[in-house]
Amino acid sequence: MADLHKQYGDRVQFLAVYVREAHPTDGWREPANDRLGISVAQPRTHEERRAVATRCNTVLAMDFPLLVDGLGDAVGHAYSGMPDRLYLIDSQGRVAFKSGRGPFGFRPQELEQALLLLLWEQATENQPEGPGS
């Protein structure tokens, strides 16, 4: 995602939304997280969720804004965001691309293809009509 942001960030707004913790220590614990030293309980307050999201943002070195879903998980539910998912929203607020569920459906290259198509469509819509049109 960092590469996509670097390449297209001047034309597209990138946002990430931190939703419910996928593999909390007090839930579906993931042994790989234990091996990596990632030990996070499911946040019980918005402040805890913000703190976990901030750590996530730091560890992943994301260079675009990270928003935090509320404890009611409204964004996560509306966009089927668990455990992770990629979306492209066009300038009219419509979903132009929706990836499969992560981690196996997390394919930035498919997002890039959709992004290129959307940028091309927008560029051709905004071109002036040629002579004799």
C-alpha atoms as a PDB file:
ATOM      1  CA  MET A   1       0.000   0.000   0.000  1.00  0.00           C
ATOM      2  CA  ALA A   2       2.902   2.330   0.657  1.00  0.00           C
ATOM      3  CA  ASP A   3       3.978   1.987  -2.972  1.00  0.00           C
ATOM      4  CA  LEU A   4       0.469   2.772  -4.226  1.00  0.00           C
ATOM      5  CA  HIS A   5       0.240   5.770  -1.939  1.00  0.00           C
ATOM      6  CA  LYS A   6       3.623   7.012  -3.114  1.00  0.00           C
ATOM      7  CA  GLN A   7       2.650   6.645  -6.772  1.00  0.00           C
ATOM      8  CA  TYR A   8      -0.954   7.903  -6.676  1.00  0.00           C
ATOM      9  CA  GLY A   9      -1.212   9.901  -3.451  1.00  0.00           C
ATOM     10  CA  ASP A  10      -1.102  13.215  -5.317  1.00  0.00           C
ATOM     11  CA  ARG A  11      -4.295  12.261  -7.221  1.00  0.00           C
ATOM     12  CA  VAL A  12      -6.146  10.021  -4.781  1.00  0.00           C
ATOM     13  CA  GLN A  13      -6.887  10.320  -1.075  1.00  0.00           C
ATOM     14  CA  PHE A  14      -5.752   7.229   0.826  1.00  0.00           C
ATOM     15  CA  LEU A  15      -7.343   6.339   4.164  1.00  0.00           C
ATOM     16  CA  ALA A  16      -7.174   3.296   6.392  1.00  0.00           C
ATOM     17  CA  VAL A  17      -9.812   2.419   8.970  1.00  0.00           C
ATOM     18  CA  TYR A  18      -8.844   0.437  12.047  1.00  0.00           C
ATOM     19  CA  VAL A  19     -11.726  -1.885  12.938  1.00  0.00           C
ATOM     20  CA  ARG A  20     -12.130  -4.605  15.550  1.00  0.00           C
ATOM     21  CA  GLU A  21      -8.951  -6.519  16.453  1.00  0.00           C
ATOM     22  CA  ALA A  22      -8.866  -9.694  14.326  1.00  0.00           C
ATOM     23  CA  HIS A  23      -6.757 -11.877  16.624  1.00  0.00           C
ATOM     24  CA  PRO A  24      -6.927 -10.545  20.179  1.00  0.00           C
ATOM     25  CA  THR A  25      -5.284 -12.360  23.054  1.00  0.00           C
ATOM     26  CA  ASP A  26      -8.717 -12.676  24.669  1.00  0.00           C
ATOM     27  CA  GLY A  27     -10.362 -14.083  21.531  1.00  0.00           C
ATOM     28  CA  TRP A  28      -9.182 -15.944  18.435  1.00  0.00           C
ATOM     29  CA  ARG A  29      -5.505 -15.850  19.304  1.00  0.00           C
ATOM     30  CA  GLU A  30      -3.072 -16.246  16.415  1.00  0.00           C
ATOM     31  CA  PRO A  31       0.164 -18.144  17.184  1.00  0.00           C
ATOM     32  CA  ALA A  32       2.014 -16.149  14.493  1.00  0.00           C
ATOM     33  CA  ASN A  33       1.228 -12.961  16.439  1.00  0.00           C
ATOM     34  CA  ASP A  34       2.707 -14.523  19.568  1.00  0.00           C
ATOM     35  CA  ARG A  35       5.902 -15.375  17.669  1.00  0.00           C
ATOM     36  CA  LEU A  36       6.114 -11.766  16.428  1.00  0.00           C
ATOM     37  CA  GLY A  37       5.500 -10.351  19.896  1.00  0.00           C
ATOM     38  CA  ILE A  38       2.106  -8.914  18.955  1.00  0.00           C
ATOM     39  CA  SER A  39      -0.070  -9.211  22.030  1.00  0.00           C
ATOM     40  CA  VAL A  40      -3.273  -7.173  21.893  1.00  0.00           C
ATOM     41  CA  ALA A  41      -6.473  -7.690  23.851  1.00  0.00           C
ATOM     42  CA  GLN A  42      -9.755  -6.606  22.249  1.00  0.00           C
ATOM     43  CA  PRO A  43     -10.110  -2.921  23.156  1.00  0.00           C
ATOM     44  CA  ARG A  44     -13.044  -2.242  25.517  1.00  0.00           C
ATOM     45  CA  THR A  45     -13.092   1.553  25.202  1.00  0.00           C
ATOM     46  CA  HIS A  46     -12.647   3.960  22.320  1.00  0.00           C
ATOM     47  CA  GLU A  47      -9.467   5.260  23.968  1.00  0.00           C
ATOM     48  CA  GLU A  48      -8.018   1.722  24.060  1.00  0.00           C
ATOM     49  CA  ARG A  49      -8.972   1.177  20.417  1.00  0.00           C
ATOM     50  CA  ARG A  50      -7.321   4.466  19.435  1.00  0.00           C
ATOM     51  CA  ALA A  51      -4.155   3.467  21.311  1.00  0.00           C
ATOM     52  CA  VAL A  52      -4.006   0.076  19.554  1.00  0.00           C
ATOM     53  CA  ALA A  53      -4.660   1.759  16.193  1.00  0.00           C
ATOM     54  CA  THR A  54      -1.857   4.246  16.840  1.00  0.00           C
ATOM     55  CA  ARG A  55       0.565   1.405  17.604  1.00  0.00           C
ATOM     56  CA  CYS A  56      -0.578  -0.407  14.463  1.00  0.00           C
ATOM     57  CA  ASN A  57      -0.018   2.733  12.396  1.00  0.00           C
ATOM     58  CA  THR A  58       3.477   3.116  13.846  1.00  0.00           C
ATOM     59  CA  VAL A  59       4.471  -0.532  13.374  1.00  0.00           C
ATOM     60  CA  LEU A  60       3.195  -0.596   9.789  1.00  0.00           C
ATOM     61  CA  ALA A  61       4.775   2.818   9.084  1.00  0.00           C
ATOM     62  CA  MET A  62       1.694   3.963   7.207  1.00  0.00           C
ATOM     63  CA  ASP A  63       2.134   7.359   5.655  1.00  0.00           C
ATOM     64  CA  PHE A  64      -1.549   8.108   5.160  1.00  0.00           C
ATOM     65  CA  PRO A  65      -4.327   8.810   7.679  1.00  0.00           C
ATOM     66  CA  LEU A  66      -5.651   6.023   9.882  1.00  0.00           C
ATOM     67  CA  LEU A  67      -9.218   6.459  11.071  1.00  0.00           C
ATOM     68  CA  VAL A  68     -10.609   4.452  13.992  1.00  0.00           C
ATOM     69  CA  ASP A  69     -14.002   2.742  13.836  1.00  0.00           C
ATOM     70  CA  GLY A  70     -16.230   3.176  16.885  1.00  0.00           C
ATOM     71  CA  LEU A  71     -16.849   0.382  19.375  1.00  0.00           C
ATOM     72  CA  GLY A  72     -20.148  -0.368  17.618  1.00  0.00           C
ATOM     73  CA  ASP A  73     -18.092  -1.335  14.542  1.00  0.00           C
ATOM     74  CA  ALA A  74     -20.365   0.609  12.161  1.00  0.00           C
ATOM     75  CA  VAL A  75     -17.715   0.956   9.437  1.00  0.00           C
ATOM     76  CA  GLY A  76     -16.504  -2.614   9.855  1.00  0.00           C
ATOM     77  CA  HIS A  77     -20.055  -3.928   9.455  1.00  0.00           C
ATOM     78  CA  ALA A  78     -21.033  -1.586   6.612  1.00  0.00           C
ATOM     79  CA  TYR A  79     -17.944  -2.456   4.581  1.00  0.00           C
ATOM     80  CA  SER A  80     -17.366  -6.054   5.768  1.00  0.00           C
ATOM     81  CA  GLY A  81     -13.971  -4.861   6.907  1.00  0.00           C
ATOM     82  CA  MET A  82     -12.892  -7.846   9.000  1.00  0.00           C
ATOM     83  CA  PRO A  83     -10.126  -8.804   9.016  1.00  0.00           C
ATOM     84  CA  ASP A  84      -9.087  -6.433   6.237  1.00  0.00           C
ATOM     85  CA  ARG A  85     -10.386  -5.300   2.885  1.00  0.00           C
ATOM     86  CA  LEU A  86      -9.521  -2.796   0.168  1.00  0.00           C
ATOM     87  CA  TYR A  87     -12.037  -0.355  -1.287  1.00  0.00           C
ATOM     88  CA  LEU A  88     -11.868   2.288  -3.980  1.00  0.00           C
ATOM     89  CA  ILE A  89     -14.544   4.968  -3.656  1.00  0.00           C
ATOM     90  CA  ASP A  90     -15.039   7.261  -6.646  1.00  0.00           C
ATOM     91  CA  SER A  91     -15.511  11.025  -6.516  1.00  0.00           C
ATOM     92  CA  GLN A  92     -19.296  10.540  -6.356  1.00  0.00           C
ATOM     93  CA  GLY A  93     -19.013   8.363  -3.244  1.00  0.00           C
ATOM     94  CA  ARG A  94     -19.737   5.101  -5.083  1.00  0.00           C
ATOM     95  CA  VAL A  95     -17.805   1.880  -4.546  1.00  0.00           C
ATOM     96  CA  ALA A  96     -15.648   1.449  -7.668  1.00  0.00           C
ATOM     97  CA  PHE A  97     -13.723  -1.559  -6.334  1.00  0.00           C
ATOM     98  CA  LYS A  98     -14.070  -3.962  -3.416  1.00  0.00           C
ATOM     99  CA  SER A  99     -11.411  -6.586  -2.768  1.00  0.00           C
ATOM    100  CA  GLY A 100     -11.943  -9.998  -1.318  1.00  0.00           C
ATOM    101  CA  ARG A 101     -11.536 -10.462   2.417  1.00  0.00           C
ATOM    102  CA  GLY A 102      -8.023 -10.429   3.759  1.00  0.00           C
ATOM    103  CA  PRO A 103      -5.593 -11.770   4.229  1.00  0.00           C
ATOM    104  CA  PHE A 104      -6.019 -13.872   1.067  1.00  0.00           C
ATOM    105  CA  GLY A 105      -8.182 -11.290  -0.708  1.00  0.00           C
ATOM    106  CA  PHE A 106      -5.863  -8.411   0.202  1.00  0.00           C
ATOM    107  CA  ARG A 107      -4.394  -7.791  -3.252  1.00  0.00           C
ATOM    108  CA  PRO A 108      -3.121  -4.252  -3.771  1.00  0.00           C
ATOM    109  CA  GLN A 109      -2.304  -5.026  -7.419  1.00  0.00           C
ATOM    110  CA  GLU A 110      -6.038  -5.502  -8.123  1.00  0.00           C
ATOM    111  CA  LEU A 111      -6.760  -2.200  -6.396  1.00  0.00           C
ATOM    112  CA  GLU A 112      -4.137  -0.551  -8.590  1.00  0.00           C
ATOM    113  CA  GLN A 113      -5.775  -1.906 -11.759  1.00  0.00           C
ATOM    114  CA  ALA A 114      -9.148  -0.524 -10.648  1.00  0.00           C
ATOM    115  CA  LEU A 115      -7.524   2.776  -9.687  1.00  0.00           C
ATOM    116  CA  LEU A 116      -5.842   3.122 -13.082  1.00  0.00           C
ATOM    117  CA  LEU A 117      -9.133   2.423 -14.844  1.00  0.00           C
ATOM    118  CA  LEU A 118     -10.970   4.978 -12.710  1.00  0.00           C
ATOM    119  CA  LEU A 119      -8.297   7.631 -13.289  1.00  0.00           C
ATOM    120  CA  TRP A 120      -8.385   6.939 -17.031  1.00  0.00           C
ATOM    121  CA  GLU A 121     -12.198   7.210 -17.094  1.00  0.00           C
ATOM    122  CA  GLN A 122     -12.067  10.501 -15.207  1.00  0.00           C
ATOM    123  CA  ALA A 123      -9.391  11.874 -17.540  1.00  0.00           C
ATOM    124  CA  THR A 124     -11.373  10.987 -20.662  1.00  0.00           C
ATOM    125  CA  GLU A 125     -14.581  12.469 -19.205  1.00  0.00           C
ATOM    126  CA  ASN A 126     -12.796  15.750 -18.528  1.00  0.00           C
ATOM    127  CA  GLN A 127     -11.143  16.076 -21.936  1.00  0.00           C
ATOM    128  CA  PRO A 128     -12.541  18.792 -24.181  1.00  0.00           C
ATOM    129  CA  GLU A 129     -14.326  17.642 -27.285  1.00  0.00           C
ATOM    130  CA  GLY A 130     -12.129  17.589 -30.385  1.00  0.00           C
ATOM    131  CA  PRO A 131     -12.560  19.807 -33.476  1.00  0.00           C
ATOM    132  CA  GLY A 132     -15.779  19.274 -35.345  1.00  0.00           C
ATOM    133  CA  SER A 133     -17.529  17.734 -32.338  1.00  0.00           C
END
